[in-house]
Amino acid sequence: METPDWTDLSGFTKQHYAIIDKACIIIASDPEPVAKLAKDIWTASRKIANRTPMSLCFDCVYIAANALGVPASKSFVKFVSNKVVGKSITPMVSNKGAKGDRWFISKEGKDAIMDVIDDEDIYEDLFKEWL
């Protein structure tokens, strides 16, 4: 992986969007809709998620793929993360820690996801194991 250009927010965002794009190419036969949705979720949740920005990329890829009906298990996304960034990152494992619930079921996290997905049934189906 090349040295990131984080001279401003756009460089930071561009690097993480590239990670999402690479992951979606591996995961989906039509990666563009999955990548777009994952980037939108990443952008909406970046400030409130109790995850590193890179880990959040793989959470968002997992969420977007499954929201769009592309089967992507947590173990497969972890495998993909190793291919894309050279280390295994398990999606959806944020700690409860000091910030309370896992980011995607906290009020702020749900609001961020719902701002993008806007479908309560999809949200509940995606996160039923944690609700």
Protein backbone atom coordinates (compact mmCIF):
# COMPACT_ATOMS: atom_id res chain seq x y z
CA MET A 1 0.00 0.00 0.00
CA GLU A 2 1.37 3.41 -0.94
CA THR A 3 1.94 6.23 1.50
CA PRO A 4 -1.35 8.08 1.99
CA ASP A 5 -1.75 11.74 1.06
CA TRP A 6 -3.61 13.10 4.05
CA THR A 7 -2.84 16.75 3.55
CA ASP A 8 -6.56 17.35 3.75
CA LEU A 9 -9.82 15.48 4.29
CA SER A 10 -10.19 14.66 0.60
CA GLY A 11 -6.92 12.69 0.58
CA PHE A 12 -7.98 10.79 3.69
CA THR A 13 -11.40 10.06 2.18
CA LYS A 14 -9.94 9.10 -1.21
CA GLN A 15 -7.66 6.49 0.38
CA HIS A 16 -10.52 4.86 2.26
CA TYR A 17 -12.83 4.98 -0.76
CA ALA A 18 -10.11 3.14 -2.72
CA ILE A 19 -10.08 0.40 -0.07
CA ILE A 20 -13.86 0.09 -0.36
CA ASP A 21 -13.65 -0.06 -4.17
CA LYS A 22 -11.02 -2.82 -4.09
CA ALA A 23 -13.02 -4.88 -1.59
CA CYS A 24 -16.23 -4.54 -3.61
CA ILE A 25 -14.51 -5.70 -6.80
CA ILE A 26 -13.69 -8.97 -5.04
CA ILE A 27 -17.05 -9.35 -3.29
CA ALA A 28 -19.61 -8.41 -5.94
CA SER A 29 -20.05 -9.30 -9.60
CA ASP A 30 -21.42 -5.74 -10.02
CA PRO A 31 -19.25 -3.81 -7.56
CA GLU A 32 -20.34 -0.24 -8.32
CA PRO A 33 -23.68 -0.17 -6.44
CA VAL A 34 -22.15 -1.95 -3.45
CA ALA A 35 -19.17 0.42 -3.40
CA LYS A 36 -21.38 3.51 -3.71
CA LEU A 37 -23.61 2.40 -0.84
CA ALA A 38 -20.60 1.41 1.30
CA LYS A 39 -18.95 4.80 0.70
CA ASP A 40 -22.15 6.63 1.58
CA ILE A 41 -22.46 4.65 4.83
CA TRP A 42 -18.76 5.18 5.62
CA THR A 43 -19.11 8.93 5.11
CA ALA A 44 -22.29 9.13 7.19
CA SER A 45 -20.87 7.06 10.06
CA ARG A 46 -17.16 7.99 10.09
CA LYS A 47 -17.47 10.52 12.92
CA ILE A 48 -19.64 8.43 15.23
CA ALA A 49 -18.40 4.85 14.74
CA ASN A 50 -16.13 3.46 17.44
CA ARG A 51 -13.94 1.85 14.74
CA THR A 52 -10.78 2.87 12.96
CA PRO A 53 -11.51 4.35 9.54
CA MET A 54 -10.02 1.28 7.83
CA SER A 55 -12.02 -1.16 9.95
CA LEU A 56 -15.10 0.93 9.26
CA CYS A 57 -14.49 0.43 5.52
CA PHE A 58 -15.01 -3.31 5.93
CA ASP A 59 -18.03 -2.85 8.22
CA CYS A 60 -19.59 -0.68 5.51
CA VAL A 61 -18.75 -3.13 2.73
CA TYR A 62 -20.38 -5.91 4.78
CA ILE A 63 -23.47 -3.77 5.42
CA ALA A 64 -23.79 -2.54 1.82
CA ALA A 65 -23.30 -5.95 0.22
CA ASN A 66 -25.87 -7.61 2.43
CA ALA A 67 -28.31 -4.70 2.12
CA LEU A 68 -28.18 -5.12 -1.66
CA GLY A 69 -28.58 -8.90 -1.54
CA VAL A 70 -24.94 -9.74 -2.27
CA PRO A 71 -24.03 -12.57 0.10
CA ALA A 72 -20.99 -11.52 2.13
CA SER A 73 -20.32 -13.30 5.39
CA LYS A 74 -18.18 -11.74 8.08
CA SER A 75 -15.51 -14.41 7.48
CA PHE A 76 -15.47 -13.69 3.73
CA VAL A 77 -15.14 -9.95 4.30
CA LYS A 78 -12.29 -10.71 6.71
CA PHE A 79 -10.62 -12.78 3.97
CA VAL A 80 -11.14 -9.93 1.49
CA SER A 81 -9.62 -7.42 3.91
CA ASN A 82 -6.44 -9.49 3.99
CA LYS A 83 -6.30 -9.44 0.18
CA VAL A 84 -6.96 -5.69 -0.01
CA VAL A 85 -4.90 -4.26 2.88
CA GLY A 86 -2.67 -7.16 3.89
CA LYS A 87 -4.23 -7.76 7.27
CA SER A 88 -7.34 -9.52 8.47
CA ILE A 89 -10.04 -7.17 9.72
CA THR A 90 -13.20 -8.75 11.05
CA PRO A 91 -16.22 -6.58 10.30
CA MET A 92 -18.89 -5.70 12.84
CA VAL A 93 -16.89 -6.38 16.01
CA SER A 94 -16.64 -2.93 17.57
CA ASN A 95 -16.34 -3.02 21.32
CA LYS A 96 -19.07 -1.77 23.57
CA GLY A 97 -16.41 0.10 25.54
CA ALA A 98 -16.87 3.63 26.75
CA LYS A 99 -19.00 4.68 23.78
CA GLY A 100 -21.82 2.27 24.61
CA ASP A 101 -23.37 -0.10 22.08
CA ARG A 102 -21.67 -1.27 18.93
CA TRP A 103 -21.67 1.67 16.57
CA PHE A 104 -24.21 0.24 14.13
CA ILE A 105 -26.89 -0.32 16.77
CA SER A 106 -26.32 2.86 18.76
CA LYS A 107 -28.86 5.60 18.10
CA GLU A 108 -26.29 7.68 16.20
CA GLY A 109 -25.10 4.68 14.19
CA LYS A 110 -28.59 3.57 13.29
CA ASP A 111 -29.47 7.13 12.28
CA ALA A 112 -26.37 7.34 10.05
CA ILE A 113 -27.19 4.03 8.36
CA MET A 114 -30.88 4.85 8.00
CA ASP A 115 -30.01 8.21 6.43
CA VAL A 116 -28.41 6.19 3.63
CA ILE A 117 -30.49 3.00 3.45
CA ASP A 118 -33.84 4.45 4.60
CA ASP A 119 -35.49 1.04 5.02
CA GLU A 120 -36.28 -0.17 8.54
CA ASP A 121 -36.89 -3.76 7.37
CA ILE A 122 -33.46 -3.98 5.74
CA TYR A 123 -31.84 -2.45 8.82
CA GLU A 124 -33.54 -4.94 11.15
CA ASP A 125 -32.66 -7.87 8.89
CA LEU A 126 -29.01 -6.79 8.67
CA PHE A 127 -28.57 -6.39 12.42
CA LYS A 128 -30.96 -8.98 13.85
CA GLU A 129 -28.13 -10.93 15.51
CA TRP A 130 -27.26 -7.83 17.58
CA LEU A 131 -30.71 -6.41 18.26
